[in-house]
Amino acid sequence: MGGEPRVCLVRRLERLAQSALRGGKRRREQEKALVEGLLHCVAHLKDRFPLEFAPVLEATRSFLEKDLQYLRGEASPEVLLEASG
């Protein structure tokens, strides 16, 4: 019951992203599934959280969308680097 998660979500995303940039197809598919799930969660949170959280949720959604564009082959890795800078 409860407890801390075994894997930090941010660290997992970082590792998957690094692997995806190196060309790991399996990792890209794993990250794509994870990002799609996170986008669903962010949309749900947007409806549930107070309006004060809207800027944070929108920034999160924007970064995840850019990541998903790369994972789908619709954008180059440079788009991700521009988004994080």
Protein backbone atom coordinates (compact mmCIF):
# COMPACT_ATOMS: atom_id res chain seq x y z
CA MET A 1 0.00 0.00 0.00
CA GLY A 2 1.30 3.42 -0.92
CA GLY A 3 4.95 4.17 -0.67
CA GLU A 4 7.25 5.85 -3.14
CA PRO A 5 7.32 4.87 -6.79
CA ARG A 6 10.27 2.70 -7.72
CA VAL A 7 11.14 4.82 -10.72
CA CYS A 8 11.13 8.59 -10.91
CA LEU A 9 8.97 9.59 -13.90
CA VAL A 10 11.24 12.46 -14.87
CA ARG A 11 14.36 10.25 -14.81
CA ARG A 12 12.56 7.59 -16.85
CA LEU A 13 11.55 10.17 -19.47
CA GLU A 14 15.12 11.49 -19.60
CA ARG A 15 16.54 8.00 -20.16
CA LEU A 16 13.96 7.12 -22.79
CA ALA A 17 14.55 10.44 -24.57
CA GLN A 18 18.32 9.89 -24.63
CA SER A 19 17.83 6.40 -26.01
CA ALA A 20 15.33 7.65 -28.59
CA LEU A 21 17.80 10.31 -29.76
CA ARG A 22 20.42 7.60 -30.25
CA GLY A 23 18.01 5.84 -32.58
CA GLY A 24 16.54 3.12 -30.37
CA LYS A 25 13.27 2.21 -32.10
CA ARG A 26 11.97 0.15 -29.19
CA ARG A 27 12.70 2.98 -26.76
CA ARG A 28 10.99 5.49 -29.04
CA GLU A 29 7.87 3.31 -28.99
CA GLN A 30 8.05 3.01 -25.20
CA GLU A 31 8.49 6.75 -24.78
CA LYS A 32 5.71 7.45 -27.27
CA ALA A 33 3.26 5.33 -25.24
CA LEU A 34 4.37 7.02 -22.02
CA VAL A 35 4.06 10.53 -23.47
CA GLU A 36 0.61 9.79 -24.90
CA GLY A 37 -0.49 8.62 -21.46
CA LEU A 38 0.96 11.72 -19.82
CA LEU A 39 -0.84 13.98 -22.29
CA HIS A 40 -4.09 12.28 -21.32
CA CYS A 41 -3.30 12.88 -17.64
CA VAL A 42 -2.42 16.54 -18.22
CA ALA A 43 -5.75 17.07 -20.01
CA HIS A 44 -7.54 15.49 -17.06
CA LEU A 45 -5.62 17.62 -14.56
CA LYS A 46 -6.45 20.77 -16.51
CA ASP A 47 -10.14 20.08 -15.87
CA ARG A 48 -9.60 19.26 -12.18
CA PHE A 49 -6.94 21.69 -10.93
CA PRO A 50 -7.52 25.34 -10.01
CA LEU A 51 -6.87 27.93 -12.73
CA GLU A 52 -3.60 28.92 -11.03
CA PHE A 53 -2.08 25.67 -12.32
CA ALA A 54 -3.02 26.39 -15.94
CA PRO A 55 0.36 27.92 -16.98
CA VAL A 56 2.30 24.95 -15.61
CA LEU A 57 -0.01 22.42 -17.19
CA GLU A 58 0.09 24.26 -20.53
CA ALA A 59 3.90 24.37 -20.51
CA THR A 60 3.98 20.66 -19.68
CA ARG A 61 1.52 19.87 -22.47
CA SER A 62 3.54 21.92 -24.94
CA PHE A 63 6.81 20.12 -24.15
CA LEU A 64 5.12 16.72 -24.31
CA GLU A 65 3.53 17.59 -27.68
CA LYS A 66 6.94 18.52 -29.12
CA ASP A 67 8.40 15.29 -27.80
CA LEU A 68 5.55 13.35 -29.38
CA GLN A 69 6.12 15.10 -32.73
CA TYR A 70 9.70 13.84 -32.72
CA LEU A 71 8.65 10.34 -31.68
CA ARG A 72 6.16 10.20 -34.55
CA GLY A 73 8.85 11.33 -37.00
CA GLU A 74 7.17 14.71 -37.58
CA ALA A 75 10.03 16.82 -36.16
CA SER A 76 13.80 16.71 -35.86
CA PRO A 77 15.64 16.34 -32.54
CA GLU A 78 16.57 20.01 -32.77
CA VAL A 79 12.93 20.91 -32.05
CA LEU A 80 13.28 19.22 -28.69
CA LEU A 81 16.51 21.03 -27.92
CA GLU A 82 14.95 24.39 -28.84
CA ALA A 83 11.98 23.63 -26.60
CA SER A 84 14.17 22.91 -23.59
CA GLY A 85 16.35 25.99 -24.00
